[in-house]
Amino acid sequence: SPVIDRNIAYMTSANERESVIAFDLLEGKTLWKQEYGDIEVTPLLFNEKLYFGNTAGTFFCIDKEKGELEWKYRLQENIQRKGIRSSATVSDGLIIFGAEDATIYALDAKYGTEKWSYNTMAPIFASPSVNNGVVFCGNTDGDFLALNANDGTLAWKFSAGASIYATASFTDSLVLIGTTGGTLAAFNQKNGRNIWTTEFNSVINSSAVVSGS
């Protein structure tokens, strides 16, 4: 999905030479294009910068005015699966995303240095979400994890039994997640207790939207 900042849309693409584009919605014209490899995520706009990873396993921070590189972070070269297909989120100056190498990474937003990482033991395609200082994310083994955002330590984990591609949603006290096994489950945010689970007859790959009760 594109990111809209006032009258500018920032878009990413795969299978294109210039994969990041800034487009003026009022003038109907392209402002700039830059080459950053194949990208299959929504960019994160934070503090006038754009953050995103590509399918080759490199994560970028670029300036939104011209699309010029601020810094980049490369995943390890000696791994078979290292693509980044998880959109990033931000928490207290940390840029947090998952990768196909099964790891959730937290990088310093300004300098791109790694602050912490956590190996979930299965590839991550879902985008993490942060609420009340906790990072929530699922992997393809069906593990749904809650990590402390400041240091990446595990708060709790639940085995959902089917792959998770969706991003978590929240109420005041609950976190909600859907799975490819057709379940939508609600957990206590603090301790991971499963409050309820509803079975559907179809894969759930989208996030839930909470409206009132």
C-alpha atoms as a PDB file:
ATOM      1  CA  SER A   1       0.000   0.000   0.000  1.00  0.00           C
ATOM      2  CA  PRO A   2       1.211   3.550  -0.619  1.00  0.00           C
ATOM      3  CA  VAL A   3       1.879   5.998   2.188  1.00  0.00           C
ATOM      4  CA  ILE A   4       0.168   9.383   1.873  1.00  0.00           C
ATOM      5  CA  ASP A   5       1.830  12.485   3.326  1.00  0.00           C
ATOM      6  CA  ARG A   6      -0.334  15.537   2.585  1.00  0.00           C
ATOM      7  CA  ASN A   7      -0.333  15.692  -1.239  1.00  0.00           C
ATOM      8  CA  ILE A   8       2.521  13.197  -1.776  1.00  0.00           C
ATOM      9  CA  ALA A   9       2.094   9.439  -2.217  1.00  0.00           C
ATOM     10  CA  TYR A  10       5.141   7.238  -1.583  1.00  0.00           C
ATOM     11  CA  MET A  11       4.875   3.908  -3.409  1.00  0.00           C
ATOM     12  CA  THR A  12       7.040   0.799  -3.602  1.00  0.00           C
ATOM     13  CA  SER A  13       7.076  -1.949  -6.207  1.00  0.00           C
ATOM     14  CA  ALA A  14       8.672  -5.227  -7.276  1.00  0.00           C
ATOM     15  CA  ASN A  15       9.926  -6.164 -10.748  1.00  0.00           C
ATOM     16  CA  GLU A  16      10.708  -2.542 -11.535  1.00  0.00           C
ATOM     17  CA  ARG A  17      14.135  -0.985 -11.870  1.00  0.00           C
ATOM     18  CA  GLU A  18      13.115   2.118  -9.900  1.00  0.00           C
ATOM     19  CA  SER A  19      11.164   0.618  -7.022  1.00  0.00           C
ATOM     20  CA  VAL A  20      10.442   3.638  -4.793  1.00  0.00           C
ATOM     21  CA  ILE A  21       8.393   6.488  -6.218  1.00  0.00           C
ATOM     22  CA  ALA A  22       7.170   9.824  -4.860  1.00  0.00           C
ATOM     23  CA  PHE A  23       4.078  11.049  -6.675  1.00  0.00           C
ATOM     24  CA  ASP A  24       2.403  14.455  -6.368  1.00  0.00           C
ATOM     25  CA  LEU A  25      -1.349  13.820  -6.128  1.00  0.00           C
ATOM     26  CA  LEU A  26      -2.307  17.448  -6.838  1.00  0.00           C
ATOM     27  CA  GLU A  27      -0.069  17.945  -9.850  1.00  0.00           C
ATOM     28  CA  GLY A  28      -0.433  14.373 -11.115  1.00  0.00           C
ATOM     29  CA  LYS A  29       3.283  13.891 -11.691  1.00  0.00           C
ATOM     30  CA  THR A  30       6.229  11.900 -10.395  1.00  0.00           C
ATOM     31  CA  LEU A  31       8.591  13.867  -8.142  1.00  0.00           C
ATOM     32  CA  TRP A  32      11.359  11.282  -7.938  1.00  0.00           C
ATOM     33  CA  LYS A  33      12.190   7.599  -8.482  1.00  0.00           C
ATOM     34  CA  GLN A  34      14.958   5.575  -6.853  1.00  0.00           C
ATOM     35  CA  GLU A  35      16.389   2.057  -7.203  1.00  0.00           C
ATOM     36  CA  TYR A  36      16.244  -0.062  -4.038  1.00  0.00           C
ATOM     37  CA  GLY A  37      15.559  -3.565  -5.373  1.00  0.00           C
ATOM     38  CA  ASP A  38      12.287  -5.497  -5.332  1.00  0.00           C
ATOM     39  CA  ILE A  39      10.034  -4.302  -2.514  1.00  0.00           C
ATOM     40  CA  GLU A  40       6.891  -6.082  -1.324  1.00  0.00           C
ATOM     41  CA  VAL A  41       6.124  -4.029   1.796  1.00  0.00           C
ATOM     42  CA  THR A  42       4.403  -0.793   2.722  1.00  0.00           C
ATOM     43  CA  PRO A  43       7.008   1.853   3.591  1.00  0.00           C
ATOM     44  CA  LEU A  44       7.009   3.373   7.071  1.00  0.00           C
ATOM     45  CA  LEU A  45       7.071   7.183   7.240  1.00  0.00           C
ATOM     46  CA  PHE A  46       8.680   8.403  10.466  1.00  0.00           C
ATOM     47  CA  ASN A  47      10.499  11.667  11.270  1.00  0.00           C
ATOM     48  CA  GLU A  48      10.613  12.737   7.599  1.00  0.00           C
ATOM     49  CA  LYS A  49      12.255   9.431   6.581  1.00  0.00           C
ATOM     50  CA  LEU A  50      10.967   6.340   4.768  1.00  0.00           C
ATOM     51  CA  TYR A  51      11.857   2.883   6.096  1.00  0.00           C
ATOM     52  CA  PHE A  52      11.461  -0.418   4.213  1.00  0.00           C
ATOM     53  CA  GLY A  53      13.174  -3.691   3.361  1.00  0.00           C
ATOM     54  CA  ASN A  54      13.579  -5.510   0.049  1.00  0.00           C
ATOM     55  CA  THR A  55      13.337  -9.141  -1.024  1.00  0.00           C
ATOM     56  CA  ALA A  56      17.143  -9.472  -1.113  1.00  0.00           C
ATOM     57  CA  GLY A  57      17.389  -8.895   2.630  1.00  0.00           C
ATOM     58  CA  THR A  58      18.460  -5.256   2.889  1.00  0.00           C
ATOM     59  CA  PHE A  59      16.608  -2.712   5.016  1.00  0.00           C
ATOM     60  CA  PHE A  60      16.765   0.974   4.051  1.00  0.00           C
ATOM     61  CA  CYS A  61      16.230   4.400   5.544  1.00  0.00           C
ATOM     62  CA  ILE A  62      15.874   7.125   2.900  1.00  0.00           C
ATOM     63  CA  ASP A  63      15.102  10.827   2.840  1.00  0.00           C
ATOM     64  CA  LYS A  64      11.519  11.540   1.752  1.00  0.00           C
ATOM     65  CA  GLU A  65      12.407  14.735  -0.155  1.00  0.00           C
ATOM     66  CA  LYS A  66      14.630  13.131  -2.805  1.00  0.00           C
ATOM     67  CA  GLY A  67      14.670   9.454  -1.918  1.00  0.00           C
ATOM     68  CA  GLU A  68      18.388   9.504  -1.144  1.00  0.00           C
ATOM     69  CA  LEU A  69      19.911   6.844   1.103  1.00  0.00           C
ATOM     70  CA  GLU A  70      20.427   7.697   4.782  1.00  0.00           C
ATOM     71  CA  TRP A  71      21.554   4.225   5.899  1.00  0.00           C
ATOM     72  CA  LYS A  72      21.051   0.542   5.136  1.00  0.00           C
ATOM     73  CA  TYR A  73      21.185  -2.671   7.145  1.00  0.00           C
ATOM     74  CA  ARG A  74      21.972  -6.021   5.528  1.00  0.00           C
ATOM     75  CA  LEU A  75      20.800  -9.343   6.871  1.00  0.00           C
ATOM     76  CA  GLN A  76      23.426 -12.068   7.165  1.00  0.00           C
ATOM     77  CA  GLU A  77      24.720 -13.383   3.848  1.00  0.00           C
ATOM     78  CA  ASN A  78      25.139 -17.015   4.959  1.00  0.00           C
ATOM     79  CA  ILE A  79      21.444 -17.853   5.228  1.00  0.00           C
ATOM     80  CA  GLN A  80      19.174 -19.393   2.609  1.00  0.00           C
ATOM     81  CA  ARG A  81      16.063 -17.274   3.236  1.00  0.00           C
ATOM     82  CA  LYS A  82      16.688 -13.649   4.089  1.00  0.00           C
ATOM     83  CA  GLY A  83      14.047 -11.610   2.250  1.00  0.00           C
ATOM     84  CA  ILE A  84      12.116  -8.879   4.043  1.00  0.00           C
ATOM     85  CA  ARG A  85       8.385  -9.068   3.331  1.00  0.00           C
ATOM     86  CA  SER A  86       7.260  -7.594   6.638  1.00  0.00           C
ATOM     87  CA  SER A  87       6.394  -3.905   6.836  1.00  0.00           C
ATOM     88  CA  ALA A  88       8.089  -2.041   9.664  1.00  0.00           C
ATOM     89  CA  THR A  89       6.632  -0.327  12.699  1.00  0.00           C
ATOM     90  CA  VAL A  90       8.173   2.097  15.194  1.00  0.00           C
ATOM     91  CA  SER A  91       8.443   2.231  18.990  1.00  0.00           C
ATOM     92  CA  ASP A  92      10.429   4.824  20.971  1.00  0.00           C
ATOM     93  CA  GLY A  93      12.916   5.453  18.179  1.00  0.00           C
ATOM     94  CA  LEU A  94      13.249   1.786  17.216  1.00  0.00           C
ATOM     95  CA  ILE A  95      12.298   0.534  13.753  1.00  0.00           C
ATOM     96  CA  ILE A  96      10.946  -3.010  14.103  1.00  0.00           C
ATOM     97  CA  PHE A  97      10.330  -5.563  11.331  1.00  0.00           C
ATOM     98  CA  GLY A  98      10.378  -9.298  10.642  1.00  0.00           C
ATOM     99  CA  ALA A  99      12.249 -11.271   7.996  1.00  0.00           C
ATOM    100  CA  GLU A 100      12.262 -14.623   6.235  1.00  0.00           C
ATOM    101  CA  ASP A 101      15.250 -15.680   8.347  1.00  0.00           C
ATOM    102  CA  ALA A 102      12.702 -16.083  11.211  1.00  0.00           C
ATOM    103  CA  THR A 103      14.010 -13.050  13.084  1.00  0.00           C
ATOM    104  CA  ILE A 104      12.362  -9.898  14.383  1.00  0.00           C
ATOM    105  CA  TYR A 105      14.809  -6.971  14.256  1.00  0.00           C
ATOM    106  CA  ALA A 106      14.852  -3.644  16.071  1.00  0.00           C
ATOM    107  CA  LEU A 107      17.112  -0.964  14.571  1.00  0.00           C
ATOM    108  CA  ASP A 108      17.950   2.528  15.763  1.00  0.00           C
ATOM    109  CA  ALA A 109      15.869   4.843  13.573  1.00  0.00           C
ATOM    110  CA  LYS A 110      18.606   7.469  13.258  1.00  0.00           C
ATOM    111  CA  TYR A 111      21.706   5.363  12.680  1.00  0.00           C
ATOM    112  CA  GLY A 112      20.471   1.920  11.593  1.00  0.00           C
ATOM    113  CA  THR A 113      22.392   0.032  14.266  1.00  0.00           C
ATOM    114  CA  GLU A 114      20.842  -3.162  15.606  1.00  0.00           C
ATOM    115  CA  LYS A 115      19.474  -2.738  19.132  1.00  0.00           C
ATOM    116  CA  TRP A 116      18.066  -6.248  19.494  1.00  0.00           C
ATOM    117  CA  SER A 117      16.842  -9.240  17.515  1.00  0.00           C
ATOM    118  CA  TYR A 118      14.742 -12.291  18.345  1.00  0.00           C
ATOM    119  CA  ASN A 119      14.712 -15.584  16.424  1.00  0.00           C
ATOM    120  CA  THR A 120      11.151 -16.947  16.255  1.00  0.00           C
ATOM    121  CA  MET A 121      12.313 -20.197  14.559  1.00  0.00           C
ATOM    122  CA  ALA A 122      10.093 -19.765  11.467  1.00  0.00           C
ATOM    123  CA  PRO A 123       9.872 -17.239   8.578  1.00  0.00           C
ATOM    124  CA  ILE A 124       8.000 -14.001   9.202  1.00  0.00           C
ATOM    125  CA  PHE A 125       5.760 -12.402   6.582  1.00  0.00           C
ATOM    126  CA  ALA A 126       3.395 -10.664   8.999  1.00  0.00           C
ATOM    127  CA  SER A 127       4.042  -7.064   9.947  1.00  0.00           C
ATOM    128  CA  PRO A 128       4.655  -6.550  13.670  1.00  0.00           C
ATOM    129  CA  SER A 129       2.527  -4.137  15.680  1.00  0.00           C
ATOM    130  CA  VAL A 130       3.321  -2.359  18.937  1.00  0.00           C
ATOM    131  CA  ASN A 131       0.935  -1.560  21.767  1.00  0.00           C
ATOM    132  CA  ASN A 132       1.736  -0.465  25.327  1.00  0.00           C
ATOM    133  CA  GLY A 133       5.451  -1.148  24.860  1.00  0.00           C
ATOM    134  CA  VAL A 134       4.960  -4.695  23.542  1.00  0.00           C
ATOM    135  CA  VAL A 135       5.696  -6.008  20.039  1.00  0.00           C
ATOM    136  CA  PHE A 136       3.167  -8.541  18.708  1.00  0.00           C
ATOM    137  CA  CYS A 137       3.940 -10.687  15.661  1.00  0.00           C
ATOM    138  CA  GLY A 138       3.221 -14.130  14.209  1.00  0.00           C
ATOM    139  CA  ASN A 139       5.249 -16.493  12.015  1.00  0.00           C
ATOM    140  CA  THR A 140       4.568 -19.226   9.453  1.00  0.00           C
ATOM    141  CA  ASP A 141       4.736 -21.966  12.111  1.00  0.00           C
ATOM    142  CA  GLY A 142       1.719 -20.374  13.776  1.00  0.00           C
ATOM    143  CA  ASP A 143       3.547 -18.982  16.784  1.00  0.00           C
ATOM    144  CA  PHE A 144       2.137 -15.679  18.016  1.00  0.00           C
ATOM    145  CA  LEU A 145       4.674 -13.820  20.133  1.00  0.00           C
ATOM    146  CA  ALA A 146       4.722 -10.852  22.481  1.00  0.00           C
ATOM    147  CA  LEU A 147       8.147  -9.236  22.939  1.00  0.00           C
ATOM    148  CA  ASN A 148       9.165  -6.359  25.159  1.00  0.00           C
ATOM    149  CA  ALA A 149       9.805  -3.492  22.740  1.00  0.00           C
ATOM    150  CA  ASN A 150      12.748  -2.017  24.643  1.00  0.00           C
ATOM    151  CA  ASP A 151      14.970  -5.119  24.713  1.00  0.00           C
ATOM    152  CA  GLY A 152      13.301  -7.864  22.653  1.00  0.00           C
ATOM    153  CA  THR A 153      12.820 -10.309  25.513  1.00  0.00           C
ATOM    154  CA  LEU A 154       9.905 -12.731  25.270  1.00  0.00           C
ATOM    155  CA  ALA A 155       6.850 -11.779  27.323  1.00  0.00           C
ATOM    156  CA  TRP A 156       4.673 -14.699  26.161  1.00  0.00           C
ATOM    157  CA  LYS A 157       4.030 -16.996  23.194  1.00  0.00           C
ATOM    158  CA  PHE A 158       0.988 -18.890  21.908  1.00  0.00           C
ATOM    159  CA  SER A 159       0.906 -21.666  19.305  1.00  0.00           C
ATOM    160  CA  ALA A 160      -2.035 -20.946  17.003  1.00  0.00           C
ATOM    161  CA  GLY A 161      -1.542 -24.113  14.959  1.00  0.00           C
ATOM    162  CA  ALA A 162      -1.592 -22.421  11.529  1.00  0.00           C
ATOM    163  CA  SER A 163       0.507 -19.841   9.703  1.00  0.00           C
ATOM    164  CA  ILE A 164       0.043 -16.176  10.567  1.00  0.00           C
ATOM    165  CA  TYR A 165       0.300 -13.533   7.845  1.00  0.00           C
ATOM    166  CA  ALA A 166      -1.977 -10.918   9.404  1.00  0.00           C
ATOM    167  CA  THR A 167      -1.030  -8.007  11.631  1.00  0.00           C
ATOM    168  CA  ALA A 168      -2.471  -7.931  15.140  1.00  0.00           C
ATOM    169  CA  SER A 169      -5.313  -5.604  16.168  1.00  0.00           C
ATOM    170  CA  PHE A 170      -6.203  -4.281  19.621  1.00  0.00           C
ATOM    171  CA  THR A 171      -8.915  -3.372  22.071  1.00  0.00           C
ATOM    172  CA  ASP A 172      -8.090  -1.751  25.410  1.00  0.00           C
ATOM    173  CA  SER A 173      -7.057  -5.074  26.956  1.00  0.00           C
ATOM    174  CA  LEU A 174      -7.052  -7.628  24.128  1.00  0.00           C
ATOM    175  CA  VAL A 175      -4.884  -8.397  21.122  1.00  0.00           C
ATOM    176  CA  LEU A 176      -6.570 -10.085  18.133  1.00  0.00           C
ATOM    177  CA  ILE A 177      -4.993 -12.245  15.442  1.00  0.00           C
ATOM    178  CA  GLY A 178      -6.259 -14.308  12.499  1.00  0.00           C
ATOM    179  CA  THR A 179      -4.630 -17.401  11.003  1.00  0.00           C
ATOM    180  CA  THR A 180      -4.591 -19.387   7.760  1.00  0.00           C
ATOM    181  CA  GLY A 181      -6.363 -22.117   9.714  1.00  0.00           C
ATOM    182  CA  GLY A 182      -9.471 -19.950   9.780  1.00  0.00           C
ATOM    183  CA  THR A 183      -9.410 -18.890  13.414  1.00  0.00           C
ATOM    184  CA  LEU A 184      -9.687 -15.438  14.921  1.00  0.00           C
ATOM    185  CA  ALA A 185      -8.345 -15.422  18.476  1.00  0.00           C
ATOM    186  CA  ALA A 186      -8.285 -12.863  21.276  1.00  0.00           C
ATOM    187  CA  PHE A 187      -5.614 -12.802  23.988  1.00  0.00           C
ATOM    188  CA  ASN A 188      -4.999 -10.833  27.153  1.00  0.00           C
ATOM    189  CA  GLN A 189      -2.259  -8.414  26.123  1.00  0.00           C
ATOM    190  CA  LYS A 190      -0.346  -8.715  29.403  1.00  0.00           C
ATOM    191  CA  ASN A 191      -0.204 -12.461  30.010  1.00  0.00           C
ATOM    192  CA  GLY A 192      -1.229 -14.089  26.712  1.00  0.00           C
ATOM    193  CA  ARG A 193      -4.242 -15.914  28.126  1.00  0.00           C
ATOM    194  CA  ASN A 194      -6.550 -17.019  25.293  1.00  0.00           C
ATOM    195  CA  ILE A 195      -9.855 -15.246  26.012  1.00  0.00           C
ATOM    196  CA  TRP A 196     -11.809 -16.598  23.021  1.00  0.00           C
ATOM    197  CA  THR A 197     -11.339 -18.212  19.623  1.00  0.00           C
ATOM    198  CA  THR A 198     -13.837 -18.140  16.767  1.00  0.00           C
ATOM    199  CA  GLU A 199     -13.656 -20.637  13.900  1.00  0.00           C
ATOM    200  CA  PHE A 200     -14.279 -19.549  10.305  1.00  0.00           C
ATOM    201  CA  ASN A 201     -14.313 -21.630   7.129  1.00  0.00           C
ATOM    202  CA  SER A 202     -11.690 -19.573   5.354  1.00  0.00           C
ATOM    203  CA  VAL A 203      -8.111 -18.348   5.575  1.00  0.00           C
ATOM    204  CA  ILE A 204      -7.700 -15.065   7.470  1.00  0.00           C
ATOM    205  CA  ASN A 205      -4.816 -12.973   6.140  1.00  0.00           C
ATOM    206  CA  SER A 206      -6.165  -9.502   6.929  1.00  0.00           C
ATOM    207  CA  SER A 207      -6.134  -7.573  10.183  1.00  0.00           C
ATOM    208  CA  ALA A 208      -9.321  -7.120  12.144  1.00  0.00           C
ATOM    209  CA  VAL A 209     -10.821  -3.653  12.573  1.00  0.00           C
ATOM    210  CA  VAL A 210     -12.257  -2.926  16.011  1.00  0.00           C
ATOM    211  CA  SER A 211     -15.321  -0.690  16.232  1.00  0.00           C
ATOM    212  CA  GLY A 212     -16.764  -0.198  19.710  1.00  0.00           C
ATOM    213  CA  SER A 213     -17.543  -3.612  21.188  1.00  0.00           C
END
